[in-house]
C-alpha cells in the first residue's frame, strides 16, 4: 500500500468561527493506483491535499489523524524530519492554477531544480541537469529551462509544474485540478501525459477535481467528498455503474451524455457552511431519501467488497 489515511482532520480558525475543512477522512491508495477525489467547490478536496503534505496555514485550529506512506507512519514524525525525509521525496504535489504557481522573475529550470537543492541537498549544476531531464520527461525541450514563465503557454506551464513535482522522483503525486483553465485540446494532452508518466514510473496519484467525467479518464478508484467528509469510495467501474450514496447518484445524473437522451438532474439547495455544518448526515437537508435518523446521527462507514459508503440507507 502506497498511502493509508485514517481520520484525517484539518480545522481553520476564522473571525466567523472554526471551519471544519477536513473532518475524519480515511482512504487508501495502492501502488500504481489513482484515487480521484471529486466534489463541489468548498467540499474540502484541496484542504485534504494540504493536510497530507503538512502545508498548514497559520490559522490552523486543529490538525490530526494518522498517515502511512510505504508502510511508515509519517504523521508521528516531527515537522523538520517530515520536511527533510517525506515532503517532495516520497509525496509531492502539482498545485492548482499553474499560471500563478511559478515565480515570474526566475527561470523555469531554476524553479524545477529548487526542490532538489532544498530537500535533497543536490548541487546546483547537477540539479539543473536533472531539471532538463524532467522537462524531457514531460514532453518539453531542455531549452525551456532558460525561459521565464511569461514566455510559455498555459499547457507548457502546466507541464513545468508537473516536472517540478516529479524531479525528486516521489512515489505519490497529488494532482490538484491539473487541467483547470486549459482548453479542451491542451487538457486532453495533459491527461495523456499523466497516464504515460504513471505507466512509466509506477506512480500513485491522488487526482483532485470537480469534473467527474474527467476523473473517469484516469481514476482506478473514486472518492466523493461532501462538506469536509469522504462519503463514498469505490472502484471506478463500480462507482459509475452503481453509485450508492444519494449525493453520488445525483452528481452522475447531472452529467450530460452523448449516447442517450436522458433528462439532466440537479441537486436542490446549497452546500452547507463548513463553519455551521448540519447535525447528523451533512447531506440530509438536500437529500430526497432522508430518514429521521439522518437528522440526528452521523452515519457510520459501511464496507461492501471494497465499496465504502456513509449513508443510513445501507446500515
C-alpha atoms as a PDB file:
ATOM      1  CA  UNK A   1       0.000   0.000   0.000  1.00  0.00           C
ATOM      2  CA  UNK A   2       1.483   3.336  -1.075  1.00  0.00           C
ATOM      3  CA  UNK A   3      -0.700   5.549   1.142  1.00  0.00           C
ATOM      4  CA  UNK A   4      -3.092   4.927   4.008  1.00  0.00           C
ATOM      5  CA  UNK A   5      -5.015   7.674   5.796  1.00  0.00           C
ATOM      6  CA  UNK A   6      -7.144   7.335   8.940  1.00  0.00           C
ATOM      7  CA  UNK A   7      -9.376  10.022  10.459  1.00  0.00           C
ATOM      8  CA  UNK A   8      -7.569  12.991   8.894  1.00  0.00           C
ATOM      9  CA  UNK A   9      -8.731  16.279  10.415  1.00  0.00           C
ATOM     10  CA  UNK A  10      -7.918  19.884   9.489  1.00  0.00           C
ATOM     11  CA  UNK A  11      -9.815  22.823  11.005  1.00  0.00           C
ATOM     12  CA  UNK A  12      -9.156  26.533  10.417  1.00  0.00           C
ATOM     13  CA  UNK A  13      -9.798  29.381  12.844  1.00  0.00           C
ATOM     14  CA  UNK A  14     -11.535  32.422  11.310  1.00  0.00           C
ATOM     15  CA  UNK A  15     -13.261  35.551  12.591  1.00  0.00           C
ATOM     16  CA  UNK A  16     -16.631  33.885  11.858  1.00  0.00           C
ATOM     17  CA  UNK A  17     -15.791  30.620  13.630  1.00  0.00           C
ATOM     18  CA  UNK A  18     -13.990  27.315  13.138  1.00  0.00           C
ATOM     19  CA  UNK A  19     -14.019  25.930   9.569  1.00  0.00           C
ATOM     20  CA  UNK A  20     -14.169  22.124   9.554  1.00  0.00           C
ATOM     21  CA  UNK A  21     -12.455  21.770   6.179  1.00  0.00           C
ATOM     22  CA  UNK A  22     -11.409  18.116   6.597  1.00  0.00           C
ATOM     23  CA  UNK A  23     -13.345  16.125   9.180  1.00  0.00           C
ATOM     24  CA  UNK A  24     -12.446  12.468   9.719  1.00  0.00           C
ATOM     25  CA  UNK A  25     -11.308  11.487   6.205  1.00  0.00           C
ATOM     26  CA  UNK A  26      -9.994   7.921   5.652  1.00  0.00           C
ATOM     27  CA  UNK A  27      -8.838   6.181   2.466  1.00  0.00           C
ATOM     28  CA  UNK A  28      -6.108   4.026   0.897  1.00  0.00           C
ATOM     29  CA  UNK A  29      -4.141   4.300  -2.350  1.00  0.00           C
ATOM     30  CA  UNK A  30      -2.319   1.256  -3.719  1.00  0.00           C
ATOM     31  CA  UNK A  31       0.966   1.285  -5.609  1.00  0.00           C
ATOM     32  CA  UNK A  32       0.486   2.483  -9.168  1.00  0.00           C
ATOM     33  CA  UNK A  33      -3.146   3.350  -8.375  1.00  0.00           C
ATOM     34  CA  UNK A  34      -5.101   6.564  -8.918  1.00  0.00           C
ATOM     35  CA  UNK A  35      -7.710   7.778  -6.446  1.00  0.00           C
ATOM     36  CA  UNK A  36      -9.816  10.612  -7.856  1.00  0.00           C
ATOM     37  CA  UNK A  37     -11.426  12.813  -5.205  1.00  0.00           C
ATOM     38  CA  UNK A  38     -14.463  14.619  -6.608  1.00  0.00           C
ATOM     39  CA  UNK A  39     -16.975  17.034  -5.161  1.00  0.00           C
ATOM     40  CA  UNK A  40     -18.319  20.555  -5.326  1.00  0.00           C
ATOM     41  CA  UNK A  41     -16.149  23.617  -4.709  1.00  0.00           C
ATOM     42  CA  UNK A  42     -15.611  24.139  -0.995  1.00  0.00           C
ATOM     43  CA  UNK A  43     -16.061  20.481  -0.067  1.00  0.00           C
ATOM     44  CA  UNK A  44     -12.520  20.147   1.349  1.00  0.00           C
ATOM     45  CA  UNK A  45     -10.678  18.469  -1.539  1.00  0.00           C
ATOM     46  CA  UNK A  46      -7.695  20.839  -1.673  1.00  0.00           C
ATOM     47  CA  UNK A  47      -7.570  21.094   2.124  1.00  0.00           C
ATOM     48  CA  UNK A  48      -7.176  17.306   2.219  1.00  0.00           C
ATOM     49  CA  UNK A  49      -4.177  17.628  -0.102  1.00  0.00           C
ATOM     50  CA  UNK A  50      -2.537  20.311   2.051  1.00  0.00           C
ATOM     51  CA  UNK A  51      -3.148  18.198   5.158  1.00  0.00           C
ATOM     52  CA  UNK A  52      -1.384  15.229   3.517  1.00  0.00           C
ATOM     53  CA  UNK A  53       1.571  17.441   2.575  1.00  0.00           C
ATOM     54  CA  UNK A  54       1.508  19.072   6.035  1.00  0.00           C
ATOM     55  CA  UNK A  55       1.403  22.505   4.393  1.00  0.00           C
ATOM     56  CA  UNK A  56      -0.621  24.202   7.119  1.00  0.00           C
ATOM     57  CA  UNK A  57      -1.607  27.884   7.272  1.00  0.00           C
ATOM     58  CA  UNK A  58      -1.050  29.987  10.364  1.00  0.00           C
ATOM     59  CA  UNK A  59      -4.740  29.922  11.280  1.00  0.00           C
ATOM     60  CA  UNK A  60      -4.797  26.120  11.655  1.00  0.00           C
ATOM     61  CA  UNK A  61      -7.036  25.348  14.641  1.00  0.00           C
ATOM     62  CA  UNK A  62      -6.765  21.558  14.682  1.00  0.00           C
ATOM     63  CA  UNK A  63      -4.716  19.067  12.698  1.00  0.00           C
ATOM     64  CA  UNK A  64      -4.711  15.333  13.355  1.00  0.00           C
ATOM     65  CA  UNK A  65      -5.167  11.810  12.088  1.00  0.00           C
ATOM     66  CA  UNK A  66      -2.747   9.069  11.042  1.00  0.00           C
ATOM     67  CA  UNK A  67      -0.929   8.790   7.704  1.00  0.00           C
ATOM     68  CA  UNK A  68       1.205   5.893   6.472  1.00  0.00           C
ATOM     69  CA  UNK A  69       3.432   6.177   3.369  1.00  0.00           C
ATOM     70  CA  UNK A  70       5.095   2.964   2.160  1.00  0.00           C
ATOM     71  CA  UNK A  71       4.189   1.375   5.486  1.00  0.00           C
ATOM     72  CA  UNK A  72       5.784   4.101   7.644  1.00  0.00           C
ATOM     73  CA  UNK A  73       3.582   6.202   9.894  1.00  0.00           C
ATOM     74  CA  UNK A  74       4.724   9.667   8.855  1.00  0.00           C
ATOM     75  CA  UNK A  75       2.108  11.556  10.874  1.00  0.00           C
ATOM     76  CA  UNK A  76       4.162  10.804  14.017  1.00  0.00           C
ATOM     77  CA  UNK A  77       7.301  12.468  12.612  1.00  0.00           C
ATOM     78  CA  UNK A  78       8.432  15.922  13.819  1.00  0.00           C
ATOM     79  CA  UNK A  79       7.872  18.726  11.289  1.00  0.00           C
ATOM     80  CA  UNK A  80      11.549  19.090  10.393  1.00  0.00           C
ATOM     81  CA  UNK A  81      12.014  15.355   9.779  1.00  0.00           C
ATOM     82  CA  UNK A  82       8.806  15.247   7.714  1.00  0.00           C
ATOM     83  CA  UNK A  83      10.094  18.142   5.584  1.00  0.00           C
ATOM     84  CA  UNK A  84      13.514  16.546   5.158  1.00  0.00           C
ATOM     85  CA  UNK A  85      12.548  12.919   4.518  1.00  0.00           C
ATOM     86  CA  UNK A  86       8.951  12.828   3.267  1.00  0.00           C
ATOM     87  CA  UNK A  87       7.696  16.011   1.609  1.00  0.00           C
ATOM     88  CA  UNK A  88       8.782  16.098  -2.062  1.00  0.00           C
ATOM     89  CA  UNK A  89      10.905  12.946  -1.590  1.00  0.00           C
ATOM     90  CA  UNK A  90       8.025  10.478  -1.161  1.00  0.00           C
ATOM     91  CA  UNK A  91       4.952  12.612  -1.754  1.00  0.00           C
ATOM     92  CA  UNK A  92       4.759  15.714  -3.934  1.00  0.00           C
ATOM     93  CA  UNK A  93       2.043  17.941  -5.301  1.00  0.00           C
ATOM     94  CA  UNK A  94       1.016  19.675  -8.518  1.00  0.00           C
ATOM     95  CA  UNK A  95      -0.674  22.819  -7.257  1.00  0.00           C
ATOM     96  CA  UNK A  96      -3.842  24.264  -8.697  1.00  0.00           C
ATOM     97  CA  UNK A  97      -3.604  27.166 -11.170  1.00  0.00           C
ATOM     98  CA  UNK A  98      -0.209  26.643 -12.825  1.00  0.00           C
ATOM     99  CA  UNK A  99      -0.456  30.182 -14.220  1.00  0.00           C
ATOM    100  CA  UNK A 100       0.145  31.512 -10.697  1.00  0.00           C
ATOM    101  CA  UNK A 101       2.289  28.687  -9.274  1.00  0.00           C
ATOM    102  CA  UNK A 102       5.511  29.802 -10.984  1.00  0.00           C
ATOM    103  CA  UNK A 103       7.748  32.693  -9.901  1.00  0.00           C
ATOM    104  CA  UNK A 104       7.610  35.202 -12.803  1.00  0.00           C
ATOM    105  CA  UNK A 105      11.163  36.516 -12.222  1.00  0.00           C
ATOM    106  CA  UNK A 106      13.009  33.177 -12.048  1.00  0.00           C
ATOM    107  CA  UNK A 107      13.918  30.965 -14.978  1.00  0.00           C
ATOM    108  CA  UNK A 108      11.953  27.753 -15.313  1.00  0.00           C
ATOM    109  CA  UNK A 109      14.999  25.493 -14.876  1.00  0.00           C
ATOM    110  CA  UNK A 110      15.923  27.089 -11.543  1.00  0.00           C
ATOM    111  CA  UNK A 111      12.394  26.597 -10.238  1.00  0.00           C
ATOM    112  CA  UNK A 112      12.318  22.917 -11.213  1.00  0.00           C
ATOM    113  CA  UNK A 113      15.772  22.394  -9.664  1.00  0.00           C
ATOM    114  CA  UNK A 114      14.858  24.104  -6.386  1.00  0.00           C
ATOM    115  CA  UNK A 115      13.260  21.032  -4.680  1.00  0.00           C
ATOM    116  CA  UNK A 116      16.434  19.049  -5.392  1.00  0.00           C
ATOM    117  CA  UNK A 117      18.653  21.722  -3.873  1.00  0.00           C
ATOM    118  CA  UNK A 118      16.442  22.452  -0.845  1.00  0.00           C
ATOM    119  CA  UNK A 119      15.136  18.974   0.039  1.00  0.00           C
ATOM    120  CA  UNK A 120      17.810  16.615  -1.296  1.00  0.00           C
ATOM    121  CA  UNK A 121      20.935  18.790  -0.937  1.00  0.00           C
ATOM    122  CA  UNK A 122      21.897  18.316  -4.605  1.00  0.00           C
ATOM    123  CA  UNK A 123      24.458  20.738  -6.081  1.00  0.00           C
ATOM    124  CA  UNK A 124      23.152  23.497  -8.342  1.00  0.00           C
ATOM    125  CA  UNK A 125      24.701  22.255 -11.599  1.00  0.00           C
ATOM    126  CA  UNK A 126      23.558  18.683 -11.046  1.00  0.00           C
ATOM    127  CA  UNK A 127      20.094  19.924 -10.105  1.00  0.00           C
ATOM    128  CA  UNK A 128      19.845  21.981 -13.313  1.00  0.00           C
ATOM    129  CA  UNK A 129      20.790  18.917 -15.377  1.00  0.00           C
ATOM    130  CA  UNK A 130      18.094  16.935 -13.574  1.00  0.00           C
ATOM    131  CA  UNK A 131      15.629  19.758 -14.316  1.00  0.00           C
ATOM    132  CA  UNK A 132      16.380  19.487 -18.033  1.00  0.00           C
ATOM    133  CA  UNK A 133      15.810  15.732 -17.864  1.00  0.00           C
ATOM    134  CA  UNK A 134      12.497  16.328 -16.071  1.00  0.00           C
ATOM    135  CA  UNK A 135      11.460  18.711 -18.860  1.00  0.00           C
ATOM    136  CA  UNK A 136      12.179  15.991 -21.427  1.00  0.00           C
ATOM    137  CA  UNK A 137      10.088  13.596 -19.377  1.00  0.00           C
ATOM    138  CA  UNK A 138       7.029  15.864 -19.657  1.00  0.00           C
ATOM    139  CA  UNK A 139       7.494  16.447 -23.376  1.00  0.00           C
ATOM    140  CA  UNK A 140       9.363  19.765 -23.383  1.00  0.00           C
ATOM    141  CA  UNK A 141      12.811  20.562 -24.751  1.00  0.00           C
ATOM    142  CA  UNK A 142      15.736  21.300 -22.376  1.00  0.00           C
ATOM    143  CA  UNK A 143      15.893  24.846 -23.811  1.00  0.00           C
ATOM    144  CA  UNK A 144      12.690  25.646 -21.901  1.00  0.00           C
ATOM    145  CA  UNK A 145      14.817  25.662 -18.729  1.00  0.00           C
ATOM    146  CA  UNK A 146      16.298  29.006 -19.835  1.00  0.00           C
ATOM    147  CA  UNK A 147      12.925  30.688 -20.325  1.00  0.00           C
ATOM    148  CA  UNK A 148      10.803  32.711 -17.941  1.00  0.00           C
ATOM    149  CA  UNK A 149       7.186  31.665 -17.185  1.00  0.00           C
ATOM    150  CA  UNK A 150       5.706  34.547 -19.195  1.00  0.00           C
ATOM    151  CA  UNK A 151       7.333  33.088 -22.313  1.00  0.00           C
ATOM    152  CA  UNK A 152       5.336  29.841 -22.000  1.00  0.00           C
ATOM    153  CA  UNK A 153       1.802  28.880 -22.999  1.00  0.00           C
ATOM    154  CA  UNK A 154      -0.714  27.610 -20.455  1.00  0.00           C
ATOM    155  CA  UNK A 155      -0.107  23.987 -21.415  1.00  0.00           C
ATOM    156  CA  UNK A 156       3.672  24.418 -21.179  1.00  0.00           C
ATOM    157  CA  UNK A 157       3.345  25.972 -17.711  1.00  0.00           C
ATOM    158  CA  UNK A 158       1.258  23.019 -16.584  1.00  0.00           C
ATOM    159  CA  UNK A 159       3.927  20.603 -17.849  1.00  0.00           C
ATOM    160  CA  UNK A 160       6.590  22.601 -15.990  1.00  0.00           C
ATOM    161  CA  UNK A 161       4.623  22.347 -12.721  1.00  0.00           C
ATOM    162  CA  UNK A 162       4.292  18.593 -13.264  1.00  0.00           C
ATOM    163  CA  UNK A 163       8.076  18.400 -13.875  1.00  0.00           C
ATOM    164  CA  UNK A 164       8.639  20.229 -10.563  1.00  0.00           C
ATOM    165  CA  UNK A 165       6.576  17.583  -8.758  1.00  0.00           C
ATOM    166  CA  UNK A 166       8.405  14.675 -10.427  1.00  0.00           C
ATOM    167  CA  UNK A 167      12.008  15.872 -10.323  1.00  0.00           C
ATOM    168  CA  UNK A 168      12.603  14.387  -6.849  1.00  0.00           C
ATOM    169  CA  UNK A 169      11.201  11.015  -8.041  1.00  0.00           C
ATOM    170  CA  UNK A 170       8.403  10.604  -5.451  1.00  0.00           C
ATOM    171  CA  UNK A 171       6.128   7.558  -5.369  1.00  0.00           C
ATOM    172  CA  UNK A 172       2.920   9.542  -4.668  1.00  0.00           C
ATOM    173  CA  UNK A 173       1.827  12.669  -6.542  1.00  0.00           C
ATOM    174  CA  UNK A 174      -1.164  14.817  -5.601  1.00  0.00           C
ATOM    175  CA  UNK A 175      -2.736  16.481  -8.648  1.00  0.00           C
ATOM    176  CA  UNK A 176      -4.933  19.422  -7.612  1.00  0.00           C
ATOM    177  CA  UNK A 177      -7.104  20.389 -10.613  1.00  0.00           C
ATOM    178  CA  UNK A 178      -4.158  19.864 -13.031  1.00  0.00           C
ATOM    179  CA  UNK A 179      -6.179  20.827 -16.116  1.00  0.00           C
ATOM    180  CA  UNK A 180      -8.103  23.832 -14.814  1.00  0.00           C
ATOM    181  CA  UNK A 181      -8.102  26.938 -17.058  1.00  0.00           C
ATOM    182  CA  UNK A 182      -6.831  24.908 -20.044  1.00  0.00           C
ATOM    183  CA  UNK A 183      -8.599  24.489 -23.381  1.00  0.00           C
ATOM    184  CA  UNK A 184     -10.044  21.084 -24.280  1.00  0.00           C
ATOM    185  CA  UNK A 185      -7.182  20.022 -26.580  1.00  0.00           C
ATOM    186  CA  UNK A 186      -4.481  21.002 -24.068  1.00  0.00           C
ATOM    187  CA  UNK A 187      -6.483  19.317 -21.319  1.00  0.00           C
ATOM    188  CA  UNK A 188      -6.506  16.057 -23.308  1.00  0.00           C
ATOM    189  CA  UNK A 189      -2.740  16.318 -23.899  1.00  0.00           C
ATOM    190  CA  UNK A 190      -2.075  16.796 -20.168  1.00  0.00           C
ATOM    191  CA  UNK A 191      -4.267  13.799 -19.307  1.00  0.00           C
ATOM    192  CA  UNK A 192      -2.385  11.643 -21.815  1.00  0.00           C
ATOM    193  CA  UNK A 193       0.900  12.858 -20.297  1.00  0.00           C
ATOM    194  CA  UNK A 194      -0.256  11.910 -16.784  1.00  0.00           C
ATOM    195  CA  UNK A 195      -1.254   8.431 -17.989  1.00  0.00           C
ATOM    196  CA  UNK A 196       2.157   7.911 -19.603  1.00  0.00           C
ATOM    197  CA  UNK A 197       4.068   9.107 -16.535  1.00  0.00           C
ATOM    198  CA  UNK A 198       2.004   6.856 -14.280  1.00  0.00           C
ATOM    199  CA  UNK A 199       2.713   3.853 -16.519  1.00  0.00           C
ATOM    200  CA  UNK A 200       6.447   4.541 -16.959  1.00  0.00           C
ATOM    201  CA  UNK A 201       7.249   5.479 -13.349  1.00  0.00           C
ATOM    202  CA  UNK A 202       4.710   3.387 -11.438  1.00  0.00           C
ATOM    203  CA  UNK A 203       3.301   6.488  -9.757  1.00  0.00           C
ATOM    204  CA  UNK A 204       0.364   6.592  -7.361  1.00  0.00           C
ATOM    205  CA  UNK A 205      -1.914   9.593  -7.936  1.00  0.00           C
ATOM    206  CA  UNK A 206      -4.433  11.476  -5.847  1.00  0.00           C
ATOM    207  CA  UNK A 207      -6.361  13.318  -8.552  1.00  0.00           C
ATOM    208  CA  UNK A 208      -8.477  16.183  -7.203  1.00  0.00           C
ATOM    209  CA  UNK A 209     -11.181  17.506  -9.498  1.00  0.00           C
ATOM    210  CA  UNK A 210     -14.780  18.738  -9.610  1.00  0.00           C
ATOM    211  CA  UNK A 211     -15.172  17.183 -13.085  1.00  0.00           C
ATOM    212  CA  UNK A 212     -16.434  13.594 -12.719  1.00  0.00           C
ATOM    213  CA  UNK A 213     -16.183  12.944 -16.456  1.00  0.00           C
ATOM    214  CA  UNK A 214     -12.505  13.937 -16.375  1.00  0.00           C
ATOM    215  CA  UNK A 215     -11.904  11.765 -13.313  1.00  0.00           C
ATOM    216  CA  UNK A 216     -13.145   8.728 -15.247  1.00  0.00           C
ATOM    217  CA  UNK A 217     -10.205   9.119 -17.657  1.00  0.00           C
ATOM    218  CA  UNK A 218      -7.547   8.467 -15.027  1.00  0.00           C
ATOM    219  CA  UNK A 219      -9.101   7.002 -11.898  1.00  0.00           C
ATOM    220  CA  UNK A 220      -8.900   3.449 -10.585  1.00  0.00           C
ATOM    221  CA  UNK A 221     -10.989   4.475  -7.575  1.00  0.00           C
ATOM    222  CA  UNK A 222     -13.378   7.372  -6.963  1.00  0.00           C
ATOM    223  CA  UNK A 223     -13.803   9.167  -3.647  1.00  0.00           C
ATOM    224  CA  UNK A 224     -16.700  11.610  -3.190  1.00  0.00           C
ATOM    225  CA  UNK A 225     -16.284  14.500  -0.744  1.00  0.00           C
ATOM    226  CA  UNK A 226     -19.124  16.496   0.742  1.00  0.00           C
ATOM    227  CA  UNK A 227     -18.856  19.168   3.435  1.00  0.00           C
ATOM    228  CA  UNK A 228     -15.415  18.056   4.614  1.00  0.00           C
ATOM    229  CA  UNK A 229     -16.147  14.322   4.680  1.00  0.00           C
ATOM    230  CA  UNK A 230     -15.405  11.450   2.290  1.00  0.00           C
ATOM    231  CA  UNK A 231     -18.869   9.917   1.947  1.00  0.00           C
ATOM    232  CA  UNK A 232     -18.194   7.230  -0.687  1.00  0.00           C
ATOM    233  CA  UNK A 233     -15.137   5.400  -2.050  1.00  0.00           C
ATOM    234  CA  UNK A 234     -15.446   2.741  -4.735  1.00  0.00           C
ATOM    235  CA  UNK A 235     -13.621   1.173  -7.693  1.00  0.00           C
ATOM    236  CA  UNK A 236     -14.212   3.474 -10.671  1.00  0.00           C
ATOM    237  CA  UNK A 237     -16.100   0.931 -12.796  1.00  0.00           C
ATOM    238  CA  UNK A 238     -18.421   0.047  -9.934  1.00  0.00           C
ATOM    239  CA  UNK A 239     -18.913   3.677  -8.947  1.00  0.00           C
ATOM    240  CA  UNK A 240     -20.032   4.795 -12.399  1.00  0.00           C
ATOM    241  CA  UNK A 241     -22.196   1.696 -12.833  1.00  0.00           C
ATOM    242  CA  UNK A 242     -23.718   1.575  -9.351  1.00  0.00           C
ATOM    243  CA  UNK A 243     -23.150   4.602  -7.105  1.00  0.00           C
ATOM    244  CA  UNK A 244     -24.633   4.072  -3.644  1.00  0.00           C
ATOM    245  CA  UNK A 245     -24.782   7.437  -1.886  1.00  0.00           C
ATOM    246  CA  UNK A 246     -27.707   9.666  -2.958  1.00  0.00           C
ATOM    247  CA  UNK A 247     -25.293  12.571  -3.470  1.00  0.00           C
ATOM    248  CA  UNK A 248     -23.124  10.448  -5.795  1.00  0.00           C
ATOM    249  CA  UNK A 249     -26.183   9.386  -7.790  1.00  0.00           C
ATOM    250  CA  UNK A 250     -27.323  12.991  -8.168  1.00  0.00           C
ATOM    251  CA  UNK A 251     -23.844  14.100  -9.267  1.00  0.00           C
ATOM    252  CA  UNK A 252     -23.770  11.462 -12.016  1.00  0.00           C
ATOM    253  CA  UNK A 253     -27.334  12.281 -13.102  1.00  0.00           C
ATOM    254  CA  UNK A 254     -26.221  15.889 -13.618  1.00  0.00           C
ATOM    255  CA  UNK A 255     -23.656  14.858 -16.257  1.00  0.00           C
ATOM    256  CA  UNK A 256     -24.840  15.116 -19.900  1.00  0.00           C
ATOM    257  CA  UNK A 257     -24.227  12.086 -22.126  1.00  0.00           C
ATOM    258  CA  UNK A 258     -23.711  11.753 -25.871  1.00  0.00           C
ATOM    259  CA  UNK A 259     -25.189   8.281 -26.324  1.00  0.00           C
ATOM    260  CA  UNK A 260     -28.514   8.635 -24.523  1.00  0.00           C
ATOM    261  CA  UNK A 261     -31.283  11.185 -24.384  1.00  0.00           C
ATOM    262  CA  UNK A 262     -31.705  11.479 -20.626  1.00  0.00           C
ATOM    263  CA  UNK A 263     -33.135  14.342 -18.633  1.00  0.00           C
ATOM    264  CA  UNK A 264     -30.411  16.107 -16.680  1.00  0.00           C
ATOM    265  CA  UNK A 265     -30.808  16.046 -12.937  1.00  0.00           C
ATOM    266  CA  UNK A 266     -29.827  18.681 -10.394  1.00  0.00           C
ATOM    267  CA  UNK A 267     -29.110  18.883  -6.679  1.00  0.00           C
ATOM    268  CA  UNK A 268     -31.525  21.184  -4.834  1.00  0.00           C
ATOM    269  CA  UNK A 269     -30.402  23.518  -2.079  1.00  0.00           C
ATOM    270  CA  UNK A 270     -26.973  24.910  -1.244  1.00  0.00           C
ATOM    271  CA  UNK A 271     -23.697  23.481   0.002  1.00  0.00           C
ATOM    272  CA  UNK A 272     -23.636  23.858   3.808  1.00  0.00           C
ATOM    273  CA  UNK A 273     -21.215  26.190   5.504  1.00  0.00           C
ATOM    274  CA  UNK A 274     -18.222  24.363   6.945  1.00  0.00           C
ATOM    275  CA  UNK A 275     -18.483  26.671   9.959  1.00  0.00           C
ATOM    276  CA  UNK A 276     -22.043  25.602  10.798  1.00  0.00           C
ATOM    277  CA  UNK A 277     -22.489  22.089   9.411  1.00  0.00           C
ATOM    278  CA  UNK A 278     -25.865  20.329   9.804  1.00  0.00           C
ATOM    279  CA  UNK A 279     -26.345  17.795  12.578  1.00  0.00           C
ATOM    280  CA  UNK A 280     -26.433  14.140  11.602  1.00  0.00           C
ATOM    281  CA  UNK A 281     -25.724  13.398   7.943  1.00  0.00           C
ATOM    282  CA  UNK A 282     -24.457  16.614   6.372  1.00  0.00           C
ATOM    283  CA  UNK A 283     -26.329  15.926   3.124  1.00  0.00           C
ATOM    284  CA  UNK A 284     -29.740  15.351   4.704  1.00  0.00           C
ATOM    285  CA  UNK A 285     -31.140  18.901   4.045  1.00  0.00           C
ATOM    286  CA  UNK A 286     -30.726  18.252   0.274  1.00  0.00           C
ATOM    287  CA  UNK A 287     -31.392  14.503   0.195  1.00  0.00           C
ATOM    288  CA  UNK A 288     -34.722  13.226  -1.226  1.00  0.00           C
ATOM    289  CA  UNK A 289     -34.302   9.944   0.716  1.00  0.00           C
ATOM    290  CA  UNK A 290     -33.549  11.435   4.150  1.00  0.00           C
ATOM    291  CA  UNK A 291     -34.813   9.474   7.163  1.00  0.00           C
ATOM    292  CA  UNK A 292     -35.497  10.813  10.635  1.00  0.00           C
ATOM    293  CA  UNK A 293     -32.225   9.282  11.911  1.00  0.00           C
ATOM    294  CA  UNK A 294     -30.296  11.208   9.232  1.00  0.00           C
ATOM    295  CA  UNK A 295     -31.118  14.461  11.016  1.00  0.00           C
ATOM    296  CA  UNK A 296     -29.855  13.212  14.386  1.00  0.00           C
ATOM    297  CA  UNK A 297     -26.813  10.970  13.899  1.00  0.00           C
ATOM    298  CA  UNK A 298     -23.879  10.790  11.529  1.00  0.00           C
ATOM    299  CA  UNK A 299     -23.935   7.558   9.507  1.00  0.00           C
ATOM    300  CA  UNK A 300     -21.126   5.102  10.073  1.00  0.00           C
ATOM    301  CA  UNK A 301     -18.980   3.833   7.224  1.00  0.00           C
ATOM    302  CA  UNK A 302     -20.328   0.668   5.590  1.00  0.00           C
ATOM    303  CA  UNK A 303     -17.970  -1.546   3.584  1.00  0.00           C
ATOM    304  CA  UNK A 304     -19.116  -3.878   0.815  1.00  0.00           C
ATOM    305  CA  UNK A 305     -16.376  -5.633  -1.183  1.00  0.00           C
ATOM    306  CA  UNK A 306     -14.093  -2.594  -1.416  1.00  0.00           C
ATOM    307  CA  UNK A 307     -17.025  -0.197  -1.818  1.00  0.00           C
ATOM    308  CA  UNK A 308     -17.332   2.192   1.161  1.00  0.00           C
ATOM    309  CA  UNK A 309     -20.358   4.403   1.767  1.00  0.00           C
ATOM    310  CA  UNK A 310     -21.516   6.540   4.710  1.00  0.00           C
ATOM    311  CA  UNK A 311     -25.301   6.505   4.494  1.00  0.00           C
ATOM    312  CA  UNK A 312     -28.147   5.324   6.760  1.00  0.00           C
ATOM    313  CA  UNK A 313     -29.888   3.724   3.773  1.00  0.00           C
ATOM    314  CA  UNK A 314     -27.322   0.902   3.904  1.00  0.00           C
ATOM    315  CA  UNK A 315     -26.981   0.500   7.669  1.00  0.00           C
END
